[in-house]
C-alpha atoms as a PDB file:
ATOM      1  CA  MET A   1      79.027   9.984  34.501  1.00  0.00           C
ATOM      2  CA  ASN A   2      77.532   6.585  33.947  1.00  0.00           C
ATOM      3  CA  PRO A   3      78.262   5.486  30.382  1.00  0.00           C
ATOM      4  CA  THR A   4      75.002   3.664  30.083  1.00  0.00           C
ATOM      5  CA  SER A   5      73.072   6.887  30.755  1.00  0.00           C
ATOM      6  CA  GLN A   6      74.669   8.712  27.836  1.00  0.00           C
ATOM      7  CA  VAL A   7      72.352   9.419  24.898  1.00  0.00           C
ATOM      8  CA  THR A   8      74.008   8.359  21.698  1.00  0.00           C
ATOM      9  CA  PRO A   9      72.627   8.412  18.150  1.00  0.00           C
ATOM     10  CA  GLN A  10      72.589   4.637  18.072  1.00  0.00           C
ATOM     11  CA  ARG A  11      70.525   4.488  21.265  1.00  0.00           C
ATOM     12  CA  MET A  12      68.063   7.087  19.994  1.00  0.00           C
ATOM     13  CA  ARG A  13      67.671   5.059  16.821  1.00  0.00           C
ATOM     14  CA  GLN A  14      66.947   1.911  18.834  1.00  0.00           C
ATOM     15  CA  VAL A  15      64.352   3.717  20.966  1.00  0.00           C
ATOM     16  CA  GLY A  16      62.663   5.105  17.848  1.00  0.00           C
ATOM     17  CA  LEU A  17      62.495   1.691  16.224  1.00  0.00           C
ATOM     18  CA  SER A  18      61.069   0.200  19.416  1.00  0.00           C
ATOM     19  CA  LEU A  19      58.352   2.855  19.603  1.00  0.00           C
ATOM     20  CA  TYR A  20      57.487   2.406  15.912  1.00  0.00           C
ATOM     21  CA  GLY A  21      57.199  -1.343  16.371  1.00  0.00           C
ATOM     22  CA  ALA A  22      55.006  -0.943  19.437  1.00  0.00           C
ATOM     23  CA  VAL A  23      52.683   1.487  17.669  1.00  0.00           C
ATOM     24  CA  ARG A  24      52.456  -0.757  14.598  1.00  0.00           C
ATOM     25  CA  THR A  25      51.757  -3.828  16.725  1.00  0.00           C
ATOM     26  CA  THR A  26      49.013  -1.983  18.606  1.00  0.00           C
ATOM     27  CA  ALA A  27      47.422  -0.587  15.439  1.00  0.00           C
ATOM     28  CA  GLN A  28      47.327  -3.862  13.526  1.00  0.00           C
ATOM     29  CA  PRO A  29      44.738  -5.666  15.699  1.00  0.00           C
ATOM     30  CA  HIS A  30      42.591  -2.520  15.767  1.00  0.00           C
ATOM     31  CA  SER A  31      42.642  -2.121  12.002  1.00  0.00           C
ATOM     32  CA  GLY A  32      42.071  -5.826  11.565  1.00  0.00           C
ATOM     33  CA  THR A  33      39.059  -5.689  13.825  1.00  0.00           C
ATOM     34  CA  ILE A  34      37.637  -2.835  11.862  1.00  0.00           C
ATOM     35  CA  ALA A  35      38.327  -4.509   8.560  1.00  0.00           C
ATOM     36  CA  THR A  36      36.924  -7.887   9.537  1.00  0.00           C
ATOM     37  CA  SER A  37      33.913  -6.785  11.540  1.00  0.00           C
ATOM     38  CA  GLY A  38      32.908  -3.884   9.311  1.00  0.00           C
ATOM     39  CA  LEU A  39      30.677  -2.442  12.043  1.00  0.00           C
ATOM     40  CA  PRO A  40      31.152   1.223  11.179  1.00  0.00           C
ATOM     41  CA  THR A  41      30.459   0.532   7.513  1.00  0.00           C
ATOM     42  CA  GLU A  42      27.328  -1.565   8.201  1.00  0.00           C
ATOM     43  CA  GLN A  43      26.024   0.962  10.698  1.00  0.00           C
ATOM     44  CA  GLY A  44      26.470   3.700   8.146  1.00  0.00           C
ATOM     45  CA  ARG A  45      24.640   1.696   5.546  1.00  0.00           C
ATOM     46  CA  GLU A  46      21.810   0.931   7.958  1.00  0.00           C
ATOM     47  CA  ASN A  47      21.516   4.607   8.793  1.00  0.00           C
ATOM     48  CA  VAL A  48      21.079   5.254   5.070  1.00  0.00           C
ATOM     49  CA  ARG A  49      18.697   2.356   4.439  1.00  0.00           C
ATOM     50  CA  ILE A  50      16.371   2.770   7.417  1.00  0.00           C
ATOM     51  CA  PRO A  51      14.897   6.147   6.367  1.00  0.00           C
ATOM     52  CA  HIS A  52      14.456   4.837   2.805  1.00  0.00           C
ATOM     53  CA  THR A  53      12.624   1.688   3.890  1.00  0.00           C
ATOM     54  CA  ARG A  54      10.390   3.667   6.201  1.00  0.00           C
ATOM     55  CA  LEU A  55       9.729   6.463   3.745  1.00  0.00           C
ATOM     56  CA  VAL A  56       8.604   4.420   0.733  1.00  0.00           C
ATOM     57  CA  PRO A  57       5.593   2.710   2.426  1.00  0.00           C
ATOM     58  CA  VAL A  58       4.401   6.123   3.604  1.00  0.00           C
ATOM     59  CA  VAL A  59       4.900   7.993   0.338  1.00  0.00           C
ATOM     60  CA  ALA A  60       3.481   5.232  -1.909  1.00  0.00           C
ATOM     61  CA  PRO A  61      -0.193   5.490  -0.748  1.00  0.00           C
ATOM     62  CA  LEU A  62      -0.031   9.277  -0.988  1.00  0.00           C
ATOM     63  CA  ALA A  63       1.421   9.133  -4.506  1.00  0.00           C
ATOM     64  CA  VAL A  64      -1.148   6.590  -5.679  1.00  0.00           C
ATOM     65  CA  GLY A  65      -3.929   8.683  -4.147  1.00  0.00           C
ATOM     66  CA  LEU A  66      -2.607  11.714  -6.023  1.00  0.00           C
ATOM     67  CA  LEU A  67      -2.583   9.808  -9.324  1.00  0.00           C
ATOM     68  CA  LEU A  68      -6.059   8.432  -8.664  1.00  0.00           C
ATOM     69  CA  GLY A  69      -7.338  11.946  -8.015  1.00  0.00           C
ATOM     70  CA  LEU A  70      -5.892  13.145 -11.319  1.00  0.00           C
ATOM     71  CA  ALA A  71      -7.051  10.175 -13.393  1.00  0.00           C
ATOM     72  CA  GLY A  72     -10.786  10.912 -13.301  1.00  0.00           C
ATOM     73  CA  PRO A  73     -10.756  14.610 -14.251  1.00  0.00           C
ATOM     74  CA  ILE A  74      -8.104  14.101 -16.923  1.00  0.00           C
ATOM     75  CA  ALA A  75      -9.967  11.184 -18.520  1.00  0.00           C
ATOM     76  CA  ASN A  76     -13.160  13.257 -18.592  1.00  0.00           C
ATOM     77  CA  LYS A  77     -11.469  15.773 -20.910  1.00  0.00           C
ATOM     78  CA  TRP A  78     -11.910  13.449 -23.898  1.00  0.00           C
ATOM     79  CA  ASP A  79     -15.171  12.132 -25.295  1.00  0.00           C
ATOM     80  CA  ASN A  80     -13.983   8.861 -26.813  1.00  0.00           C
ATOM     81  CA  PRO A  81     -15.478   5.647 -25.329  1.00  0.00           C
ATOM     82  CA  ALA A  82     -12.252   4.499 -23.638  1.00  0.00           C
ATOM     83  CA  CYS A  83     -11.774   7.797 -21.781  1.00  0.00           C
ATOM     84  CA  VAL A  84     -15.461   7.888 -20.843  1.00  0.00           C
ATOM     85  CA  ALA A  85     -15.184   4.421 -19.297  1.00  0.00           C
ATOM     86  CA  LEU A  86     -11.970   5.315 -17.451  1.00  0.00           C
ATOM     87  CA  GLY A  87     -13.443   8.575 -16.194  1.00  0.00           C
ATOM     88  CA  LEU A  88     -16.525   6.779 -14.865  1.00  0.00           C
ATOM     89  CA  ALA A  89     -14.418   4.073 -13.216  1.00  0.00           C
ATOM     90  CA  PHE A  90     -12.016   6.477 -11.500  1.00  0.00           C
ATOM     91  CA  SER A  91     -14.795   8.878 -10.487  1.00  0.00           C
ATOM     92  CA  GLY A  92     -16.996   6.251  -8.827  1.00  0.00           C
ATOM     93  CA  GLY A  93     -17.173   5.874  -5.086  1.00  0.00           C
ATOM     94  CA  TRP A  94     -16.383   2.167  -5.291  1.00  0.00           C
ATOM     95  CA  SER A  95     -12.937   2.840  -6.804  1.00  0.00           C
ATOM     96  CA  TRP A  96     -12.048   5.146  -3.916  1.00  0.00           C
ATOM     97  CA  ALA A  97     -13.243   2.557  -1.424  1.00  0.00           C
ATOM     98  CA  CYS A  98     -11.159  -0.066  -3.220  1.00  0.00           C
ATOM     99  CA  PHE A  99      -8.060   2.139  -3.025  1.00  0.00           C
ATOM    100  CA  ALA A 100      -8.345   2.709   0.734  1.00  0.00           C
ATOM    101  CA  PHE A 101      -9.146  -0.969   1.260  1.00  0.00           C
ATOM    102  CA  LEU A 102      -6.048  -2.107  -0.661  1.00  0.00           C
ATOM    103  CA  VAL A 103      -3.815   0.290   1.257  1.00  0.00           C
ATOM    104  CA  GLY A 104      -4.818  -1.469   4.453  1.00  0.00           C
ATOM    105  CA  TYR A 105      -4.667  -4.907   2.858  1.00  0.00           C
ATOM    106  CA  PHE A 106      -0.995  -4.561   1.962  1.00  0.00           C
ATOM    107  CA  ARG A 107       0.071  -3.265   5.393  1.00  0.00           C
ATOM    108  CA  ARG A 108       0.777  -5.590   8.321  1.00  0.00           C
ATOM    109  CA  SER A 109       0.108  -3.081  11.077  1.00  0.00           C
ATOM    110  CA  LYS A 110      -3.497  -2.146  11.762  1.00  0.00           C
ATOM    111  CA  ILE A 111      -2.443   1.322  12.899  1.00  0.00           C
ATOM    112  CA  GLU A 112      -0.460   1.949   9.718  1.00  0.00           C
ATOM    113  CA  SER A 113      -3.338   0.591   7.639  1.00  0.00           C
ATOM    114  CA  THR A 114      -5.777   3.006   9.250  1.00  0.00           C
ATOM    115  CA  VAL A 115      -3.547   6.085   9.111  1.00  0.00           C
ATOM    116  CA  LEU A 116      -2.136   5.596   5.608  1.00  0.00           C
ATOM    117  CA  ALA A 117      -5.522   4.733   4.094  1.00  0.00           C
ATOM    118  CA  SER A 118      -7.034   7.858   5.632  1.00  0.00           C
ATOM    119  CA  LEU A 119      -4.216  10.117   4.428  1.00  0.00           C
ATOM    120  CA  GLY A 120      -4.030   8.547   0.974  1.00  0.00           C
ATOM    121  CA  LEU A 121      -7.774   8.817   0.398  1.00  0.00           C
ATOM    122  CA  THR A 122      -7.775  12.426   1.614  1.00  0.00           C
ATOM    123  CA  VAL A 123      -4.980  13.351  -0.795  1.00  0.00           C
ATOM    124  CA  GLY A 124      -6.796  11.648  -3.668  1.00  0.00           C
ATOM    125  CA  VAL A 125     -10.177  13.264  -3.016  1.00  0.00           C
ATOM    126  CA  LEU A 126      -8.686  16.729  -2.524  1.00  0.00           C
ATOM    127  CA  THR A 127      -6.706  16.331  -5.752  1.00  0.00           C
ATOM    128  CA  TYR A 128      -9.828  15.192  -7.595  1.00  0.00           C
ATOM    129  CA  TYR A 129     -11.996  18.145  -6.553  1.00  0.00           C
ATOM    130  CA  LEU A 130      -9.227  20.725  -6.803  1.00  0.00           C
ATOM    131  CA  THR A 131      -8.468  19.565 -10.356  1.00  0.00           C
ATOM    132  CA  LYS A 132     -12.146  19.825 -11.296  1.00  0.00           C
ATOM    133  CA  SER A 133     -12.283  23.226  -9.611  1.00  0.00           C
ATOM    134  CA  ILE A 134      -9.314  24.536 -11.579  1.00  0.00           C
ATOM    135  CA  SER A 135     -10.651  23.159 -14.845  1.00  0.00           C
ATOM    136  CA  PRO A 136     -14.433  22.691 -14.556  1.00  0.00           C
ATOM    137  CA  THR A 137     -15.945  20.386 -17.120  1.00  0.00           C
ATOM    138  CA  LEU A 138     -18.993  18.290 -17.793  1.00  0.00           C
ATOM    139  CA  PRO A 139     -17.981  14.639 -17.326  1.00  0.00           C
ATOM    140  CA  ALA A 140     -17.847  12.931 -20.701  1.00  0.00           C
ATOM    141  CA  GLY A 141     -20.770  10.647 -21.459  1.00  0.00           C
ATOM    142  CA  MET A 142     -22.988  12.038 -18.654  1.00  0.00           C
ATOM    143  CA  ASP A 143     -25.509  14.286 -20.348  1.00  0.00           C
ATOM    144  CA  GLY A 144     -27.386  15.186 -17.194  1.00  0.00           C
ATOM    145  CA  ALA A 145     -24.432  15.559 -14.893  1.00  0.00           C
ATOM    146  CA  GLU A 146     -23.971  18.693 -12.894  1.00  0.00           C
ATOM    147  CA  VAL A 147     -21.150  20.925 -14.065  1.00  0.00           C
ATOM    148  CA  VAL A 148     -18.639  21.523 -11.294  1.00  0.00           C
ATOM    149  CA  SER A 149     -18.297  25.234 -10.678  1.00  0.00           C
ATOM    150  CA  SER A 150     -15.059  26.998  -9.874  1.00  0.00           C
ATOM    151  CA  ASP A 151     -16.416  28.220  -6.520  1.00  0.00           C
ATOM    152  CA  ASN A 152     -16.726  24.931  -4.644  1.00  0.00           C
ATOM    153  CA  SER A 153     -14.289  25.352  -1.768  1.00  0.00           C
ATOM    154  CA  SER A 154     -16.948  24.200   0.688  1.00  0.00           C
ATOM    155  CA  GLY A 155     -17.482  21.028  -1.337  1.00  0.00           C
ATOM    156  CA  VAL A 156     -13.742  20.356  -1.427  1.00  0.00           C
ATOM    157  CA  LEU A 157     -13.476  20.716   2.339  1.00  0.00           C
ATOM    158  CA  PHE A 158     -16.544  18.573   2.931  1.00  0.00           C
ATOM    159  CA  TRP A 159     -15.418  15.676   0.748  1.00  0.00           C
ATOM    160  CA  GLY A 160     -11.854  15.973   2.017  1.00  0.00           C
ATOM    161  CA  LEU A 161     -13.065  15.644   5.595  1.00  0.00           C
ATOM    162  CA  ALA A 162     -15.364  12.785   4.614  1.00  0.00           C
ATOM    163  CA  ALA A 163     -12.455  10.975   2.945  1.00  0.00           C
ATOM    164  CA  PHE A 164     -10.296  11.428   6.031  1.00  0.00           C
ATOM    165  CA  ILE A 165     -13.012   9.933   8.253  1.00  0.00           C
ATOM    166  CA  ILE A 166     -14.055   7.087   5.949  1.00  0.00           C
ATOM    167  CA  GLY A 167     -10.560   6.139   4.798  1.00  0.00           C
ATOM    168  CA  GLY A 168      -9.451   4.942   8.233  1.00  0.00           C
ATOM    169  CA  PRO A 169     -12.149   2.268   8.683  1.00  0.00           C
ATOM    170  CA  LEU A 170     -11.710   1.099   5.096  1.00  0.00           C
ATOM    171  CA  GLY A 171      -7.988   0.646   5.647  1.00  0.00           C
ATOM    172  CA  PHE A 172      -8.663  -1.240   8.875  1.00  0.00           C
ATOM    173  CA  PHE A 173     -11.163  -3.508   7.089  1.00  0.00           C
ATOM    174  CA  GLY A 174      -8.563  -4.194   4.423  1.00  0.00           C
ATOM    175  CA  ASN A 175      -6.042  -5.221   7.043  1.00  0.00           C
ATOM    176  CA  VAL A 176      -8.529  -7.555   8.758  1.00  0.00           C
ATOM    177  CA  ALA A 177      -9.398  -9.037   5.347  1.00  0.00           C
ATOM    178  CA  ARG A 178      -5.895 -10.563   5.225  1.00  0.00           C
ATOM    179  CA  THR A 179      -7.059 -13.378   7.507  1.00  0.00           C
ATOM    180  CA  SER A 180      -8.220 -16.649   5.945  1.00  0.00           C
ATOM    181  CA  ASP A 181     -11.236 -17.288   8.191  1.00  0.00           C
ATOM    182  CA  ILE A 182     -14.876 -16.501   7.487  1.00  0.00           C
ATOM    183  CA  TYR A 183     -14.511 -12.989   8.907  1.00  0.00           C
ATOM    184  CA  GLY A 184     -11.707 -12.219   6.458  1.00  0.00           C
ATOM    185  CA  LEU A 185     -13.968 -13.352   3.615  1.00  0.00           C
ATOM    186  CA  LEU A 186     -16.773 -11.055   4.749  1.00  0.00           C
ATOM    187  CA  PHE A 187     -14.404  -8.080   4.799  1.00  0.00           C
ATOM    188  CA  ARG A 188     -13.041  -8.995   1.353  1.00  0.00           C
ATOM    189  CA  LEU A 189     -16.581  -8.797  -0.014  1.00  0.00           C
ATOM    190  CA  ILE A 190     -16.958  -5.143   1.004  1.00  0.00           C
ATOM    191  CA  VAL A 191     -15.559  -3.605  -2.174  1.00  0.00           C
ATOM    192  CA  PRO A 192     -17.541  -5.813  -4.626  1.00  0.00           C
ATOM    193  CA  LEU A 193     -20.661  -5.106  -2.574  1.00  0.00           C
ATOM    194  CA  VAL A 194     -20.081  -1.341  -2.707  1.00  0.00           C
ATOM    195  CA  ALA A 195     -19.476  -1.484  -6.476  1.00  0.00           C
ATOM    196  CA  PHE A 196     -22.630  -3.551  -7.028  1.00  0.00           C
ATOM    197  CA  ILE A 197     -24.842  -1.282  -4.913  1.00  0.00           C
ATOM    198  CA  GLU A 198     -23.491   1.945  -6.421  1.00  0.00           C
ATOM    199  CA  THR A 199     -23.812   0.855 -10.053  1.00  0.00           C
ATOM    200  CA  SER A 200     -27.240  -0.658  -9.428  1.00  0.00           C
ATOM    201  CA  MET A 201     -28.477   2.625  -7.968  1.00  0.00           C
ATOM    202  CA  ARG A 202     -27.045   4.593 -10.879  1.00  0.00           C
ATOM    203  CA  LEU A 203     -28.581   2.255 -13.450  1.00  0.00           C
ATOM    204  CA  THR A 204     -31.955   2.511 -11.716  1.00  0.00           C
ATOM    205  CA  ASN A 205     -32.047   6.271 -11.196  1.00  0.00           C
ATOM    206  CA  GLU A 206     -29.780   7.795 -13.867  1.00  0.00           C
ATOM    207  CA  ALA A 207     -29.560   5.397 -16.804  1.00  0.00           C
ATOM    208  CA  ASP A 208     -32.385   6.987 -18.806  1.00  0.00           C
ATOM    209  CA  ASP A 209     -30.527  10.299 -19.149  1.00  0.00           C
ATOM    210  CA  GLN A 210     -27.078   8.877 -19.906  1.00  0.00           C
ATOM    211  CA  SER A 211     -25.262   7.832 -23.050  1.00  0.00           C
ATOM    212  CA  PRO A 212     -24.998   4.178 -24.108  1.00  0.00           C
ATOM    213  CA  VAL A 213     -21.290   4.139 -23.203  1.00  0.00           C
ATOM    214  CA  THR A 214     -22.105   5.197 -19.642  1.00  0.00           C
ATOM    215  CA  VAL A 215     -24.827   2.555 -19.279  1.00  0.00           C
ATOM    216  CA  VAL A 216     -22.556  -0.158 -20.670  1.00  0.00           C
ATOM    217  CA  THR A 217     -19.727   0.885 -18.307  1.00  0.00           C
ATOM    218  CA  TRP A 218     -21.943   0.773 -15.224  1.00  0.00           C
ATOM    219  CA  THR A 219     -23.407  -2.567 -16.315  1.00  0.00           C
ATOM    220  CA  SER A 220     -19.929  -3.998 -16.867  1.00  0.00           C
ATOM    221  CA  ILE A 221     -18.726  -2.807 -13.456  1.00  0.00           C
ATOM    222  CA  ARG A 222     -21.730  -4.413 -11.800  1.00  0.00           C
ATOM    223  CA  PHE A 223     -21.118  -7.685 -13.641  1.00  0.00           C
ATOM    224  CA  ILE A 224     -17.412  -7.665 -12.688  1.00  0.00           C
ATOM    225  CA  ALA A 225     -18.330  -6.983  -9.047  1.00  0.00           C
ATOM    226  CA  VAL A 226     -20.617 -10.036  -8.976  1.00  0.00           C
ATOM    227  CA  ALA A 227     -17.940 -12.178 -10.655  1.00  0.00           C
ATOM    228  CA  VAL A 228     -15.277 -11.063  -8.178  1.00  0.00           C
ATOM    229  CA  ALA A 229     -17.578 -11.771  -5.227  1.00  0.00           C
ATOM    230  CA  LEU A 230     -18.366 -15.266  -6.512  1.00  0.00           C
ATOM    231  CA  ALA A 231     -14.662 -15.917  -7.120  1.00  0.00           C
ATOM    232  CA  LEU A 232     -13.793 -14.840  -3.575  1.00  0.00           C
ATOM    233  CA  VAL A 233     -16.478 -17.070  -2.074  1.00  0.00           C
ATOM    234  CA  GLY A 234     -15.475 -20.008  -4.260  1.00  0.00           C
ATOM    235  CA  HIS A 235     -11.808 -19.605  -3.386  1.00  0.00           C
ATOM    236  CA  TRP A 236     -12.616 -19.513   0.333  1.00  0.00           C
ATOM    237  CA  ILE A 237     -14.801 -22.637   0.095  1.00  0.00           C
ATOM    238  CA  TRP A 238     -12.078 -24.469  -1.807  1.00  0.00           C
ATOM    239  CA  GLY A 239      -9.467 -23.506   0.793  1.00  0.00           C
ATOM    240  CA  TRP A 240     -11.773 -24.476   3.671  1.00  0.00           C
ATOM    241  CA  ARG A 241     -12.528 -27.895   2.165  1.00  0.00           C
ATOM    242  CA  ARG A 242      -8.862 -28.477   1.457  1.00  0.00           C
ATOM    243  CA  ALA A 243      -7.857 -27.589   5.028  1.00  0.00           C
ATOM    244  CA  ARG A 244     -10.602 -29.807   6.410  1.00  0.00           C
ATOM    245  CA  HIS A 245      -9.510 -32.729   4.228  1.00  0.00           C
ATOM    246  CA  SER A 246      -5.907 -32.211   5.338  1.00  0.00           C
ATOM    247  CA  ARG A 247      -6.901 -32.303   9.009  1.00  0.00           C
ATOM    248  CA  SER A 248      -8.935 -35.461   8.455  1.00  0.00           C
ATOM    249  CA  SER A 249      -5.997 -37.137   6.715  1.00  0.00           C
ATOM    250  CA  ARG A 250      -3.680 -36.330   9.609  1.00  0.00           C
ATOM    251  CA  LEU A 251      -6.155 -37.665  12.156  1.00  0.00           C
ATOM    252  CA  ASP A 252      -6.666 -40.903  10.187  1.00  0.00           C
ATOM    253  CA  ASP A 253      -2.940 -41.494   9.697  1.00  0.00           C
ATOM    254  CA  PRO A 254      -2.032 -44.711  11.636  1.00  0.00           C
ATOM    255  CA  ALA A 255       1.516 -43.491  12.239  1.00  0.00           C
ATOM    256  CA  ARG A 256       0.208 -40.448  14.113  1.00  0.00           C
ATOM    257  CA  LYS A 257      -2.011 -42.648  16.281  1.00  0.00           C
ATOM    258  CA  GLY A 258       0.889 -44.907  17.243  1.00  0.00           C
ATOM    259  CA  VAL A 259      -0.620 -47.923  15.504  1.00  0.00           C
ATOM    260  CA  THR A 260       1.671 -50.017  13.353  1.00  0.00           C
ATOM    261  CA  PRO A 261      -0.161 -51.395  10.294  1.00  0.00           C
ATOM    262  CA  THR A 262      -0.091 -55.204  10.089  1.00  0.00           C
END
């Protein structure tokens, strides 16, 4: 028998140590790569963050629409002047148009602006009419207003469908209003124009039968709408003149024309 082929305890120990060293040497670069690169950890974190970042922009317009739908009926439960003013503000058509417009204004994608504004406005309007249906009341400060009956399911469906249809274009207009050109200015004037027209019509046709608080609230909203419109126009003119002056300064700069001043 060849002596070198005999298996002795010392040889088995040497083989075991060799295998342990080989496994440890192979595992160290792998563990170092994992520790230094951190890819599994970052991927796991991204998988957690991505749904959160995508969910919040979708849920936020729906939650705000829900709160807006609750604000009007709840404020109408009290007859003090502050609640009357809040109830009139949150129950007016201009405030709903402003909500859908702002949803689109704060979104970069035109598709998201259209869809989220439509859904958010629908949730708000349905909440508003369902709340009034559950607890019918005469809006505070409006003596000649029509009391909302508990059997108004057709009205809820009608206004819900109308909100779904109108909310999309309003959200799209809000997104287009982000631009700084003249077209963006025209779209930014939509909400003040709606508020001015609505309050003017109410003051003309309904003011005689309403309380002084209601008349003052509508008058104040109309005044604020005019002030906001003038501020928007003035800001655009100031920005346009400033940009024009900046372009003129660059064109008149001798260094840009390649002329060295003597």
